[in-house]
N, C-alpha and C. Protein backbone atom coordinates (compact mmCIF):
# COMPACT_ATOMS: atom_id res chain seq x y z
N MET A 1 0.71 -1.35 0.21
CA MET A 1 0.23 -0.05 0.16
C MET A 1 0.82 1.08 0.03
N ARG A 2 1.90 1.20 0.75
CA ARG A 2 2.78 2.38 0.60
C ARG A 2 3.54 2.61 -0.78
N SER A 3 4.02 1.83 -1.04
CA SER A 3 4.65 1.88 -2.26
C SER A 3 3.51 2.34 -3.49
N ILE A 4 2.13 2.20 -3.50
CA ILE A 4 1.19 2.83 -4.28
C ILE A 4 1.10 4.11 -4.12
N VAL A 5 1.18 4.78 -2.65
CA VAL A 5 1.24 6.03 -2.61
C VAL A 5 2.27 6.80 -2.83
N LEU A 6 3.55 6.04 -2.77
CA LEU A 6 4.68 6.80 -3.28
C LEU A 6 4.58 6.99 -4.69
N LEU A 7 4.31 5.88 -5.54
CA LEU A 7 4.19 6.20 -6.82
C LEU A 7 3.20 6.92 -7.49
N MET A 8 2.08 7.19 -6.61
CA MET A 8 1.18 8.02 -7.11
C MET A 8 1.87 9.39 -6.74
N THR A 9 2.57 9.53 -5.64
CA THR A 9 2.96 11.03 -5.48
C THR A 9 4.04 11.30 -6.30
N ALA A 10 4.97 10.28 -6.76
CA ALA A 10 5.91 10.55 -7.77
C ALA A 10 5.38 10.76 -9.09
N LEU A 11 4.26 9.97 -9.40
CA LEU A 11 3.69 10.55 -10.71
C LEU A 11 3.00 11.88 -10.56
N ALA A 12 2.40 12.39 -9.57
CA ALA A 12 1.68 13.63 -9.38
C ALA A 12 2.63 14.77 -9.69
N VAL A 13 4.09 14.42 -8.79
CA VAL A 13 5.11 15.25 -8.77
C VAL A 13 5.75 15.62 -10.25
N ILE A 14 5.57 14.54 -10.87
CA ILE A 14 6.00 14.46 -12.47
C ILE A 14 5.12 15.17 -13.21
N GLY A 15 4.00 15.00 -13.30
CA GLY A 15 2.96 15.71 -13.87
C GLY A 15 2.82 17.02 -13.58
N LEU A 16 2.96 17.49 -12.20
CA LEU A 16 2.81 18.94 -12.00
C LEU A 16 4.06 19.81 -12.57
N ALA A 17 5.45 19.12 -12.46
CA ALA A 17 6.58 19.29 -13.21
C ALA A 17 6.31 19.85 -14.67
N VAL A 18 5.89 18.81 -15.49
CA VAL A 18 5.40 18.72 -16.86
C VAL A 18 4.64 19.80 -16.94
N TRP A 19 3.68 20.16 -16.61
CA TRP A 19 2.52 21.16 -16.49
C TRP A 19 3.32 22.87 -16.25
N ALA A 20 4.08 22.61 -14.93
CA ALA A 20 4.70 23.92 -14.96
C ALA A 20 5.73 24.36 -15.73
N TYR A 21 6.49 23.45 -16.58
CA TYR A 21 7.47 23.66 -17.45
C TYR A 21 6.76 24.13 -18.68
N ARG A 22 5.59 23.50 -18.99
CA ARG A 22 5.03 24.06 -20.45
C ARG A 22 4.34 25.30 -19.95
N GLU A 23 3.72 25.62 -18.92
CA GLU A 23 3.25 27.10 -18.45
C GLU A 23 4.63 27.96 -18.42
N ASN A 24 5.41 27.71 -18.21
CA ASN A 24 6.77 28.68 -18.05
C ASN A 24 6.64 28.81 -19.84
N TYR A 25 7.02 27.99 -20.40
CA TYR A 25 7.27 28.27 -21.61
C TYR A 25 6.17 28.93 -22.42
N ARG A 26 4.89 28.76 -22.08
CA ARG A 26 3.91 29.58 -22.90
C ARG A 26 3.68 31.06 -22.24
N THR A 27 4.11 31.11 -21.11
CA THR A 27 4.28 32.54 -20.40
C THR A 27 5.21 33.26 -21.05
N GLN A 28 6.58 32.61 -21.40
CA GLN A 28 7.44 33.35 -21.93
C GLN A 28 7.20 33.83 -23.55
N ASN A 29 6.53 32.90 -24.32
CA ASN A 29 6.25 33.06 -25.76
C ASN A 29 5.18 34.24 -25.45
N MET A 30 4.13 34.17 -24.69
CA MET A 30 3.65 35.33 -24.40
C MET A 30 3.94 36.73 -24.20
N ILE A 31 4.90 36.63 -23.48
CA ILE A 31 5.44 38.09 -22.98
C ILE A 31 6.44 38.52 -24.31
N GLY A 32 7.15 37.59 -25.16
CA GLY A 32 7.88 38.18 -26.20
C GLY A 32 6.69 38.57 -27.36
N GLN A 33 5.55 38.09 -27.36
CA GLN A 33 4.40 38.49 -28.17
C GLN A 33 4.16 39.86 -27.84
N THR A 34 3.77 40.15 -26.43
CA THR A 34 3.45 41.28 -26.05
C THR A 34 4.39 42.36 -26.28
N ALA A 35 5.87 42.01 -25.98
CA ALA A 35 6.83 43.03 -26.37
C ALA A 35 7.05 43.40 -27.88
N GLN A 36 6.67 42.38 -28.85
CA GLN A 36 6.70 42.53 -30.19
C GLN A 36 5.56 43.67 -30.63
N VAL A 37 4.43 43.26 -30.03
CA VAL A 37 3.31 44.24 -30.16
C VAL A 37 3.39 45.56 -29.69
N GLN A 38 3.94 45.95 -28.43
CA GLN A 38 4.48 46.91 -28.02
C GLN A 38 5.51 47.99 -28.84
N ARG A 39 6.49 47.07 -29.42
CA ARG A 39 7.31 47.48 -30.47
C ARG A 39 6.63 48.08 -31.83
N GLU A 40 5.68 47.11 -32.34
CA GLU A 40 4.72 47.70 -33.45
C GLU A 40 4.05 48.98 -32.99
N ILE A 41 3.67 48.88 -31.97
CA ILE A 41 2.79 50.07 -31.68
C ILE A 41 3.44 51.52 -31.46
N GLY A 42 4.70 51.41 -31.02
CA GLY A 42 5.55 52.31 -31.10
C GLY A 42 6.16 52.84 -32.24
N ALA A 43 6.20 52.05 -32.97
CA ALA A 43 6.71 52.31 -34.39
C ALA A 43 5.47 52.92 -35.37
N ALA A 44 4.34 52.23 -35.11
CA ALA A 44 3.10 52.82 -35.67
C ALA A 44 2.86 54.41 -35.07
N ARG A 45 2.95 54.58 -33.93
CA ARG A 45 2.63 55.98 -33.32
C ARG A 45 3.85 56.96 -33.77
N GLU A 46 5.07 56.41 -34.01
CA GLU A 46 6.02 57.06 -34.64
C GLU A 46 6.01 57.80 -36.25
N ARG A 47 5.55 56.41 -36.67
CA ARG A 47 5.09 56.83 -38.48
C ARG A 47 3.85 57.91 -38.28
N LEU A 48 2.94 57.88 -37.29
CA LEU A 48 1.80 58.87 -37.31
C LEU A 48 1.99 60.01 -37.09
N SER A 49 3.04 60.32 -36.27
CA SER A 49 3.63 61.68 -35.87
C SER A 49 4.13 62.42 -36.99
N VAL A 50 4.95 61.31 -37.89
CA VAL A 50 5.68 61.87 -38.97
C VAL A 50 4.69 62.38 -40.01
N LEU A 51 3.50 61.52 -40.30
CA LEU A 51 2.63 61.99 -41.09
C LEU A 51 1.67 62.96 -40.80
N ARG A 52 1.34 63.15 -39.34
CA ARG A 52 1.06 64.51 -39.04
C ARG A 52 1.94 65.74 -39.15
N ALA A 53 2.87 65.67 -38.91
CA ALA A 53 3.82 66.64 -39.24
C ALA A 53 4.20 67.11 -40.69
N GLU A 54 4.08 65.74 -41.38
CA GLU A 54 3.81 66.44 -42.92
C GLU A 54 2.92 66.80 -43.39
N TRP A 55 1.77 66.39 -43.10
CA TRP A 55 0.57 66.88 -43.31
C TRP A 55 0.39 68.68 -43.15
N ALA A 56 0.80 68.72 -41.56
CA ALA A 56 0.93 70.10 -41.28
C ALA A 56 1.73 71.28 -42.39
N TYR A 57 2.88 70.47 -42.79
CA TYR A 57 3.63 71.01 -43.30
C TYR A 57 3.04 71.20 -44.90
N LEU A 58 2.45 70.26 -45.44
CA LEU A 58 1.72 70.28 -46.64
C LEU A 58 0.69 71.46 -46.78
N ASN A 59 0.08 71.36 -45.68
CA ASN A 59 -0.91 72.22 -45.16
C ASN A 59 -1.32 73.45 -45.17
N ARG A 60 0.39 74.07 -45.19
CA ARG A 60 0.68 75.85 -44.83
C ARG A 60 -0.45 76.51 -45.53
N PRO A 61 -0.88 77.48 -45.00
CA PRO A 61 -1.61 78.29 -46.01
C PRO A 61 -0.98 79.24 -46.99
N ASP A 62 0.28 79.57 -46.59
CA ASP A 62 1.07 80.32 -47.62
C ASP A 62 1.50 79.42 -48.75
N ARG A 63 1.77 78.24 -48.51
CA ARG A 63 2.01 77.08 -49.45
C ARG A 63 0.92 76.69 -50.30
N LEU A 64 -0.29 76.61 -49.97
CA LEU A 64 -1.47 76.33 -50.31
C LEU A 64 -1.78 77.66 -51.55
N ARG A 65 -1.75 78.58 -50.83
CA ARG A 65 -2.24 79.72 -51.89
C ARG A 65 -1.27 80.21 -53.09
N ASP A 66 0.22 79.60 -52.49
CA ASP A 66 0.79 79.95 -53.95
C ASP A 66 0.42 78.54 -54.95
N LEU A 67 0.40 77.59 -54.43
CA LEU A 67 -0.27 76.69 -55.15
C LEU A 67 -1.51 77.10 -56.17
N ALA A 68 -2.37 77.49 -55.24
CA ALA A 68 -3.55 77.96 -56.01
C ALA A 68 -3.19 78.93 -56.90
N GLU A 69 -2.37 80.05 -56.80
CA GLU A 69 -2.02 80.98 -57.75
C GLU A 69 -1.28 80.42 -59.07
N LEU A 70 -0.49 79.41 -58.56
CA LEU A 70 0.03 78.85 -59.74
C LEU A 70 -0.75 78.04 -60.63
N ASN A 71 -1.80 77.47 -60.12
CA ASN A 71 -2.84 76.46 -60.95
C ASN A 71 -4.18 77.36 -61.22
N PHE A 72 -4.05 78.34 -61.09
CA PHE A 72 -5.27 79.16 -61.53
C PHE A 72 -6.09 79.07 -62.80
N ASP A 73 -5.04 78.79 -63.69
CA ASP A 73 -5.53 78.47 -65.21
C ASP A 73 -6.40 77.05 -65.14
N SER A 74 -5.95 76.25 -64.44
CA SER A 74 -6.99 74.99 -64.49
C SER A 74 -7.75 74.74 -62.94
N LEU A 75 -7.48 75.18 -61.98
CA LEU A 75 -8.15 75.14 -61.06
C LEU A 75 -9.24 76.31 -60.97
N GLN A 76 -8.95 77.47 -61.14
CA GLN A 76 -9.49 78.64 -61.18
C GLN A 76 -10.31 78.78 -59.45
N LEU A 77 -9.36 78.76 -58.72
CA LEU A 77 -9.87 78.99 -57.22
C LEU A 77 -9.45 80.34 -56.79
N LEU A 78 -10.58 80.94 -56.27
CA LEU A 78 -10.51 82.49 -55.71
C LEU A 78 -10.04 82.07 -54.36
N PRO A 79 -9.63 83.52 -53.81
CA PRO A 79 -9.57 83.50 -52.50
C PRO A 79 -10.84 83.49 -51.49
N LEU A 80 -10.81 83.19 -50.43
CA LEU A 80 -12.13 83.50 -49.70
C LEU A 80 -12.41 84.65 -49.59
N ARG A 81 -13.56 85.33 -49.13
CA ARG A 81 -14.00 86.55 -48.86
C ARG A 81 -15.22 86.39 -47.89
N PRO A 82 -15.31 87.49 -46.92
CA PRO A 82 -16.12 87.35 -45.62
C PRO A 82 -17.68 87.30 -46.24
N ASP A 83 -17.67 87.76 -47.32
CA ASP A 83 -19.33 87.72 -47.84
C ASP A 83 -19.75 86.75 -48.09
N GLN A 84 -18.80 85.41 -48.33
CA GLN A 84 -19.13 84.15 -49.01
C GLN A 84 -19.54 83.21 -47.92
N PHE A 85 -19.46 83.79 -46.52
CA PHE A 85 -20.11 82.88 -45.42
C PHE A 85 -21.46 83.23 -45.06
N GLY A 86 -22.38 82.23 -44.70
CA GLY A 86 -23.58 82.54 -44.36
C GLY A 86 -23.65 82.66 -42.95
N LYS A 87 -24.96 83.00 -42.45
CA LYS A 87 -25.05 83.18 -40.98
C LYS A 87 -25.99 81.92 -40.48
N VAL A 88 -26.06 81.80 -39.26
CA VAL A 88 -26.77 80.42 -38.69
C VAL A 88 -28.32 80.29 -39.06
N ASP A 89 -28.95 81.48 -38.96
CA ASP A 89 -29.97 81.95 -39.10
C ASP A 89 -30.60 81.86 -40.57
N GLN A 90 -29.66 81.72 -41.38
CA GLN A 90 -30.10 81.82 -42.72
C GLN A 90 -30.29 80.07 -43.34
N VAL A 91 -29.84 79.26 -42.45
CA VAL A 91 -29.89 77.96 -42.75
C VAL A 91 -31.21 77.44 -42.70
N THR A 92 -31.87 76.81 -43.41
CA THR A 92 -33.28 76.12 -43.43
C THR A 92 -32.96 74.74 -42.73
N TYR A 93 -33.52 74.34 -41.92
CA TYR A 93 -33.59 72.98 -41.38
C TYR A 93 -34.66 72.19 -41.82
N PRO A 94 -34.91 70.76 -42.06
CA PRO A 94 -35.94 70.40 -42.27
C PRO A 94 -36.82 70.35 -40.95
N PRO A 95 -38.00 70.49 -41.18
CA PRO A 95 -39.05 70.16 -40.15
C PRO A 95 -38.86 68.93 -39.50
N LEU A 96 -39.13 68.85 -37.87
CA LEU A 96 -38.96 67.63 -37.02
C LEU A 96 -40.36 66.77 -37.47
N GLU A 97 -40.41 65.41 -37.46
CA GLU A 97 -41.36 64.74 -37.69
C GLU A 97 -42.42 64.98 -36.76
N SER A 98 -42.34 65.35 -35.66
CA SER A 98 -43.32 65.63 -34.52
C SER A 98 -44.10 66.55 -34.90
N ASP A 99 -43.51 67.85 -36.00
CA ASP A 99 -44.06 68.87 -36.40
C ASP A 99 -45.27 68.56 -37.68
N LEU A 100 -44.64 67.38 -38.40
CA LEU A 100 -45.54 66.85 -39.41
C LEU A 100 -46.75 65.89 -39.33
N GLU A 101 -46.44 65.32 -38.16
CA GLU A 101 -47.51 64.21 -37.93
C GLU A 101 -48.35 64.78 -36.90
N ILE A 102 -49.90 64.45 -37.26
CA ILE A 102 -50.70 65.05 -36.13
C ILE A 102 -51.67 63.72 -36.15
N ASP A 103 -51.69 63.01 -34.81
CA ASP A 103 -52.80 62.14 -35.04
C ASP A 103 -52.73 61.03 -36.07
N GLY A 104 -51.62 60.72 -36.16
CA GLY A 104 -51.04 59.55 -37.22
C GLY A 104 -51.36 60.13 -38.57
N ILE A 105 -51.69 61.29 -38.95
CA ILE A 105 -51.91 61.83 -40.30
C ILE A 105 -50.97 62.45 -40.56
N VAL A 106 -49.98 62.37 -41.57
CA VAL A 106 -48.87 63.33 -41.95
C VAL A 106 -49.45 64.64 -42.78
N ASP A 107 -48.98 65.70 -42.27
CA ASP A 107 -49.31 66.61 -43.04
C ASP A 107 -48.17 67.32 -43.87
N VAL A 108 -48.43 66.92 -45.07
CA VAL A 108 -47.28 67.27 -46.25
C VAL A 108 -47.35 68.71 -46.40
N SER A 109 -48.36 69.44 -46.39
CA SER A 109 -48.45 70.61 -46.85
C SER A 109 -47.52 71.75 -46.12
N SER A 110 -47.27 71.19 -45.05
CA SER A 110 -46.19 72.37 -44.39
C SER A 110 -44.75 71.71 -44.49
N ALA A 111 -44.48 70.46 -45.17
CA ALA A 111 -43.35 70.20 -45.18
C ALA A 111 -42.77 70.83 -46.98
N GLU A 112 -41.49 71.13 -46.59
CA GLU A 112 -40.82 71.78 -47.73
C GLU A 112 -40.17 70.55 -48.26
N SER A 113 -40.50 70.96 -49.88
CA SER A 113 -39.41 69.66 -50.56
C SER A 113 -37.99 70.10 -50.85
N TYR A 114 -36.97 69.15 -50.34
CA TYR A 114 -35.62 69.57 -50.29
C TYR A 114 -34.91 68.27 -51.50
N PRO A 115 -34.27 69.19 -52.06
CA PRO A 115 -33.65 68.14 -53.38
C PRO A 115 -32.55 67.38 -52.99
């Protein structure tokens, strides 16, 4: 009886050692993958900051103004003037559905047609 208990204990210890060994390597693998993903994220952030800097450089107002002047014949872009902007009270918003519907009947006479 004592030898069966010792054998079962030895098998349990061996089984736990194999399990711990596999878990250790699995954990090391996950740590390596996490480090790789972190490096990729850092590289992507660096590329994004470079792209943002390039975008800001290319969208400088003086550069765009010069390009518009150089390509006026093909683009025919004109500078913006203050009178080209509208006011908020000039915007016509579509009516709310609650304004159109009375007792389940839709009142189409008050609805404006929008293209």
